[in-house]
Amino acid sequence: MTERIELGLKDANAGCACCASPTDAAAAETSQSALAQDVFVDGMTCSHCVSSVTEELSSVDGVESVTVSLNAGATSRVTIHSAVAVDPSLIKAAVEEAGYTLAPQPS
C-alpha cells in the first residue's frame, strides 16, 4: 500500500496564469493596473498580428500590459493596462508602427 504524504498545499481555485480561468486572469491583471483602456484595431488576422501590436503598445511609456481579443479579419478589442492615462497619440502611433489602424469605437 502507498503511503500518502501531505504537502500542506491549499487549493484556492486559482491555478497558475496558464491554468486560471480567463476571468481570474483578467481580475489579476486589472488589480495590478489602475486603468484599463480599450481601443479597437482593424486588420489583425493571427497570433503574429497580436504579437506585433502587443509589442509596440508595450513599449509605450506607462503601459504595463496589453490584452488582445482577436477577431480575425475584423475589428479586434485591445485593452491597455496602465497606472496612469496613456496619451492617445502614442497609442495610435504604436498601432500604426505595428502596421495596423485604429478603428472607431463601436456604439
N, C-alpha and C. Protein backbone atom coordinates (compact mmCIF):
# COMPACT_ATOMS: atom_id res chain seq x y z
N MET A 1 0.83 -1.16 0.00
CA MET A 1 0.00 0.00 0.00
C MET A 1 0.89 1.25 0.00
N THR A 2 0.48 2.28 -0.77
CA THR A 2 1.25 3.51 -0.87
C THR A 2 0.85 4.45 0.25
N GLU A 3 1.85 5.00 0.91
CA GLU A 3 1.59 5.94 1.99
C GLU A 3 1.40 7.34 1.42
N ARG A 4 0.40 8.03 1.90
CA ARG A 4 0.12 9.39 1.43
C ARG A 4 0.92 10.38 2.26
N ILE A 5 1.57 11.32 1.56
CA ILE A 5 2.34 12.36 2.22
C ILE A 5 1.64 13.69 2.00
N GLU A 6 1.29 14.36 3.07
CA GLU A 6 0.62 15.66 2.98
C GLU A 6 1.69 16.74 2.76
N LEU A 7 1.52 17.51 1.69
CA LEU A 7 2.49 18.55 1.34
C LEU A 7 2.12 19.92 1.89
N GLY A 8 0.91 20.05 2.43
CA GLY A 8 0.49 21.32 3.00
C GLY A 8 0.06 22.33 1.97
N LEU A 9 -0.20 21.88 0.74
CA LEU A 9 -0.66 22.78 -0.31
C LEU A 9 -2.15 23.00 -0.18
N LYS A 10 -2.60 24.18 -0.52
CA LYS A 10 -4.02 24.50 -0.44
C LYS A 10 -4.54 24.84 -1.82
N ASP A 11 -5.72 24.33 -2.13
CA ASP A 11 -6.36 24.63 -3.39
C ASP A 11 -7.24 25.85 -3.20
N ALA A 12 -6.82 26.97 -3.77
CA ALA A 12 -7.59 28.20 -3.64
C ALA A 12 -8.37 28.47 -4.93
N ASN A 13 -8.53 27.44 -5.77
CA ASN A 13 -9.21 27.56 -7.06
C ASN A 13 -8.57 28.62 -7.95
N ALA A 14 -7.30 28.86 -7.76
CA ALA A 14 -6.59 29.80 -8.61
C ALA A 14 -5.28 29.15 -9.01
N GLY A 15 -5.23 28.61 -10.22
CA GLY A 15 -4.02 27.97 -10.71
C GLY A 15 -3.03 29.02 -11.17
N CYS A 16 -2.02 28.55 -11.84
CA CYS A 16 -1.05 29.48 -12.41
C CYS A 16 -1.70 30.24 -13.55
N ALA A 17 -0.99 31.15 -14.14
CA ALA A 17 -1.56 32.00 -15.18
C ALA A 17 -2.09 31.18 -16.37
N CYS A 18 -1.44 30.08 -16.69
CA CYS A 18 -1.90 29.29 -17.83
C CYS A 18 -3.09 28.42 -17.48
N CYS A 19 -3.37 28.19 -16.21
CA CYS A 19 -4.47 27.33 -15.80
C CYS A 19 -5.65 28.10 -15.22
N ALA A 20 -5.45 29.35 -14.87
CA ALA A 20 -6.52 30.14 -14.27
C ALA A 20 -7.58 30.40 -15.32
N SER A 21 -8.80 30.52 -14.90
CA SER A 21 -9.88 30.82 -15.84
C SER A 21 -9.65 32.23 -16.38
N PRO A 22 -10.18 32.54 -17.58
CA PRO A 22 -9.97 33.89 -18.14
C PRO A 22 -10.44 35.00 -17.21
N THR A 23 -11.53 34.77 -16.47
CA THR A 23 -11.99 35.83 -15.57
C THR A 23 -11.03 36.01 -14.41
N ASP A 24 -10.44 34.91 -13.92
CA ASP A 24 -9.44 35.02 -12.86
C ASP A 24 -8.22 35.79 -13.36
N ALA A 25 -7.77 35.47 -14.57
CA ALA A 25 -6.60 36.12 -15.13
C ALA A 25 -6.89 37.60 -15.34
N ALA A 26 -8.08 37.93 -15.85
CA ALA A 26 -8.43 39.33 -16.08
C ALA A 26 -8.50 40.08 -14.76
N ALA A 27 -9.04 39.46 -13.73
CA ALA A 27 -9.13 40.11 -12.42
C ALA A 27 -7.75 40.37 -11.86
N ALA A 28 -6.85 39.41 -12.01
CA ALA A 28 -5.48 39.58 -11.52
C ALA A 28 -4.79 40.70 -12.29
N GLU A 29 -5.00 40.75 -13.60
CA GLU A 29 -4.41 41.77 -14.44
C GLU A 29 -4.91 43.16 -14.04
N THR A 30 -6.21 43.28 -13.88
CA THR A 30 -6.80 44.57 -13.56
C THR A 30 -6.39 45.05 -12.18
N SER A 31 -6.23 44.14 -11.23
CA SER A 31 -5.88 44.56 -9.88
C SER A 31 -4.49 45.18 -9.82
N GLN A 32 -3.62 44.85 -10.77
CA GLN A 32 -2.27 45.40 -10.77
C GLN A 32 -2.23 46.78 -11.43
N SER A 33 -3.18 47.07 -12.30
CA SER A 33 -3.20 48.33 -13.03
C SER A 33 -4.40 49.15 -12.61
N ALA A 34 -4.19 50.45 -12.48
CA ALA A 34 -5.28 51.33 -12.08
C ALA A 34 -6.24 51.58 -13.23
N LEU A 35 -5.74 51.63 -14.46
CA LEU A 35 -6.57 51.95 -15.61
C LEU A 35 -6.55 50.85 -16.65
N ALA A 36 -7.67 50.65 -17.30
CA ALA A 36 -7.77 49.75 -18.44
C ALA A 36 -8.48 50.52 -19.54
N GLN A 37 -7.81 50.72 -20.64
CA GLN A 37 -8.35 51.50 -21.75
C GLN A 37 -8.51 50.59 -22.96
N ASP A 38 -9.72 50.55 -23.53
CA ASP A 38 -9.95 49.75 -24.73
C ASP A 38 -9.77 50.60 -25.97
N VAL A 39 -9.07 50.03 -26.94
CA VAL A 39 -9.00 50.62 -28.28
C VAL A 39 -9.38 49.50 -29.24
N PHE A 40 -9.73 49.86 -30.44
CA PHE A 40 -10.16 48.88 -31.43
C PHE A 40 -9.25 48.98 -32.63
N VAL A 41 -8.79 47.81 -33.11
CA VAL A 41 -7.78 47.76 -34.15
C VAL A 41 -8.30 46.93 -35.32
N ASP A 42 -8.16 47.48 -36.53
CA ASP A 42 -8.55 46.76 -37.74
C ASP A 42 -7.36 46.07 -38.37
N GLY A 43 -7.61 44.91 -38.98
CA GLY A 43 -6.61 44.26 -39.81
C GLY A 43 -5.87 43.09 -39.21
N MET A 44 -6.01 42.83 -37.92
CA MET A 44 -5.28 41.69 -37.33
C MET A 44 -5.99 40.38 -37.72
N THR A 45 -5.18 39.38 -38.08
CA THR A 45 -5.76 38.10 -38.50
C THR A 45 -5.20 36.88 -37.77
N CYS A 46 -4.09 37.04 -37.05
CA CYS A 46 -3.46 35.85 -36.46
C CYS A 46 -2.66 36.24 -35.21
N SER A 47 -2.04 35.23 -34.61
CA SER A 47 -1.26 35.46 -33.39
C SER A 47 -0.03 36.34 -33.66
N HIS A 48 0.51 36.30 -34.86
CA HIS A 48 1.65 37.16 -35.18
C HIS A 48 1.21 38.63 -35.16
N CYS A 49 0.02 38.90 -35.68
CA CYS A 49 -0.54 40.26 -35.64
C CYS A 49 -0.69 40.72 -34.20
N VAL A 50 -1.25 39.84 -33.37
CA VAL A 50 -1.45 40.15 -31.95
C VAL A 50 -0.10 40.45 -31.30
N SER A 51 0.89 39.64 -31.60
CA SER A 51 2.22 39.83 -31.04
C SER A 51 2.83 41.17 -31.45
N SER A 52 2.66 41.54 -32.70
CA SER A 52 3.21 42.80 -33.20
C SER A 52 2.57 44.00 -32.49
N VAL A 53 1.25 43.99 -32.39
CA VAL A 53 0.54 45.09 -31.74
C VAL A 53 0.90 45.14 -30.26
N THR A 54 0.93 43.98 -29.62
CA THR A 54 1.25 43.90 -28.19
C THR A 54 2.66 44.44 -27.93
N GLU A 55 3.60 44.06 -28.77
CA GLU A 55 5.00 44.50 -28.60
C GLU A 55 5.11 46.02 -28.74
N GLU A 56 4.48 46.57 -29.76
CA GLU A 56 4.57 48.02 -29.97
C GLU A 56 3.89 48.79 -28.84
N LEU A 57 2.70 48.36 -28.44
CA LEU A 57 2.00 49.06 -27.36
C LEU A 57 2.72 48.92 -26.02
N SER A 58 3.32 47.77 -25.80
CA SER A 58 4.04 47.54 -24.53
C SER A 58 5.26 48.45 -24.39
N SER A 59 5.76 48.94 -25.52
CA SER A 59 6.94 49.82 -25.46
C SER A 59 6.57 51.27 -25.18
N VAL A 60 5.28 51.59 -25.17
CA VAL A 60 4.84 52.97 -24.87
C VAL A 60 4.99 53.22 -23.38
N ASP A 61 5.54 54.39 -23.02
CA ASP A 61 5.71 54.76 -21.62
C ASP A 61 4.38 54.71 -20.88
N GLY A 62 4.39 54.06 -19.73
CA GLY A 62 3.20 53.97 -18.90
C GLY A 62 2.40 52.70 -19.09
N VAL A 63 2.56 52.02 -20.22
CA VAL A 63 1.80 50.79 -20.47
C VAL A 63 2.42 49.65 -19.66
N GLU A 64 1.59 49.02 -18.84
CA GLU A 64 2.06 47.91 -18.01
C GLU A 64 1.83 46.56 -18.69
N SER A 65 0.70 46.42 -19.38
CA SER A 65 0.41 45.19 -20.11
C SER A 65 -0.67 45.46 -21.15
N VAL A 66 -0.79 44.51 -22.07
CA VAL A 66 -1.74 44.63 -23.17
C VAL A 66 -2.46 43.30 -23.31
N THR A 67 -3.78 43.36 -23.47
CA THR A 67 -4.58 42.16 -23.71
C THR A 67 -5.33 42.36 -25.02
N VAL A 68 -5.25 41.36 -25.91
CA VAL A 68 -5.91 41.46 -27.20
C VAL A 68 -6.97 40.39 -27.32
N SER A 69 -8.16 40.81 -27.71
CA SER A 69 -9.24 39.87 -28.03
C SER A 69 -9.35 39.87 -29.55
N LEU A 70 -8.67 38.90 -30.18
CA LEU A 70 -8.57 38.84 -31.64
C LEU A 70 -9.91 38.48 -32.26
N ASN A 71 -10.31 39.27 -33.24
CA ASN A 71 -11.48 39.00 -34.07
C ASN A 71 -10.92 38.97 -35.49
N ALA A 72 -10.39 37.82 -35.89
CA ALA A 72 -9.62 37.68 -37.12
C ALA A 72 -10.33 38.28 -38.33
N GLY A 73 -9.63 39.19 -39.00
CA GLY A 73 -10.14 39.80 -40.21
C GLY A 73 -11.15 40.92 -39.98
N ALA A 74 -11.50 41.17 -38.74
CA ALA A 74 -12.46 42.23 -38.41
C ALA A 74 -11.81 43.15 -37.38
N THR A 75 -12.63 43.84 -36.62
CA THR A 75 -12.10 44.76 -35.61
C THR A 75 -11.87 44.00 -34.30
N SER A 76 -10.66 44.10 -33.77
CA SER A 76 -10.28 43.42 -32.53
C SER A 76 -10.22 44.43 -31.39
N ARG A 77 -10.58 43.96 -30.19
CA ARG A 77 -10.51 44.80 -28.99
C ARG A 77 -9.12 44.62 -28.36
N VAL A 78 -8.48 45.75 -28.07
CA VAL A 78 -7.18 45.74 -27.42
C VAL A 78 -7.32 46.53 -26.12
N THR A 79 -7.01 45.89 -25.00
CA THR A 79 -7.11 46.55 -23.70
C THR A 79 -5.70 46.89 -23.22
N ILE A 80 -5.51 48.14 -22.92
CA ILE A 80 -4.20 48.64 -22.45
C ILE A 80 -4.32 48.89 -20.96
N HIS A 81 -3.48 48.22 -20.19
CA HIS A 81 -3.48 48.35 -18.73
C HIS A 81 -2.32 49.27 -18.34
N SER A 82 -2.64 50.28 -17.51
CA SER A 82 -1.61 51.23 -17.10
C SER A 82 -1.95 51.82 -15.75
N ALA A 83 -0.96 52.39 -15.11
CA ALA A 83 -1.17 53.04 -13.82
C ALA A 83 -1.70 54.46 -14.01
N VAL A 84 -1.36 55.07 -15.14
CA VAL A 84 -1.81 56.43 -15.45
C VAL A 84 -2.34 56.44 -16.88
N ALA A 85 -3.10 57.47 -17.23
CA ALA A 85 -3.63 57.58 -18.59
C ALA A 85 -2.48 57.66 -19.59
N VAL A 86 -2.66 56.96 -20.70
CA VAL A 86 -1.64 56.95 -21.75
C VAL A 86 -2.12 57.86 -22.88
N ASP A 87 -1.22 58.68 -23.39
CA ASP A 87 -1.53 59.63 -24.45
C ASP A 87 -2.08 58.89 -25.68
N PRO A 88 -3.29 59.23 -26.12
CA PRO A 88 -3.90 58.56 -27.28
C PRO A 88 -3.07 58.65 -28.55
N SER A 89 -2.32 59.74 -28.72
CA SER A 89 -1.50 59.86 -29.93
C SER A 89 -0.35 58.84 -29.91
N LEU A 90 0.14 58.51 -28.72
CA LEU A 90 1.19 57.49 -28.62
C LEU A 90 0.63 56.10 -28.91
N ILE A 91 -0.60 55.86 -28.48
CA ILE A 91 -1.26 54.58 -28.76
C ILE A 91 -1.46 54.43 -30.27
N LYS A 92 -1.98 55.48 -30.89
CA LYS A 92 -2.21 55.46 -32.34
C LYS A 92 -0.91 55.22 -33.09
N ALA A 93 0.15 55.91 -32.70
CA ALA A 93 1.44 55.76 -33.35
C ALA A 93 1.98 54.34 -33.21
N ALA A 94 1.80 53.75 -32.03
CA ALA A 94 2.30 52.38 -31.80
C ALA A 94 1.54 51.37 -32.65
N VAL A 95 0.22 51.53 -32.73
CA VAL A 95 -0.60 50.62 -33.55
C VAL A 95 -0.20 50.75 -35.01
N GLU A 96 0.00 51.97 -35.47
CA GLU A 96 0.41 52.19 -36.86
C GLU A 96 1.81 51.67 -37.13
N GLU A 97 2.70 51.79 -36.15
CA GLU A 97 4.06 51.25 -36.29
C GLU A 97 4.02 49.74 -36.46
N ALA A 98 3.04 49.09 -35.82
CA ALA A 98 2.88 47.64 -35.95
C ALA A 98 2.26 47.26 -37.30
N GLY A 99 1.74 48.26 -38.02
CA GLY A 99 1.18 48.01 -39.35
C GLY A 99 -0.33 47.92 -39.40
N TYR A 100 -1.00 48.46 -38.40
CA TYR A 100 -2.45 48.37 -38.32
C TYR A 100 -3.05 49.75 -38.07
N THR A 101 -4.37 49.82 -38.10
CA THR A 101 -5.03 51.10 -37.90
C THR A 101 -6.04 51.00 -36.76
N LEU A 102 -6.20 52.12 -36.06
CA LEU A 102 -7.24 52.19 -35.03
C LEU A 102 -8.58 52.31 -35.72
N ALA A 103 -9.56 51.63 -35.16
CA ALA A 103 -10.94 51.69 -35.66
C ALA A 103 -11.74 52.56 -34.72
N PRO A 104 -12.83 53.14 -35.21
CA PRO A 104 -13.69 53.90 -34.30
C PRO A 104 -14.30 52.97 -33.24
N GLN A 105 -14.55 53.52 -32.09
CA GLN A 105 -15.14 52.73 -31.01
C GLN A 105 -16.58 52.39 -31.40
N PRO A 106 -16.95 51.09 -31.29
CA PRO A 106 -18.33 50.71 -31.66
C PRO A 106 -19.33 51.39 -30.73
N SER A 107 -20.51 51.69 -31.28
CA SER A 107 -21.52 52.33 -30.44
C SER A 107 -22.47 51.35 -29.82
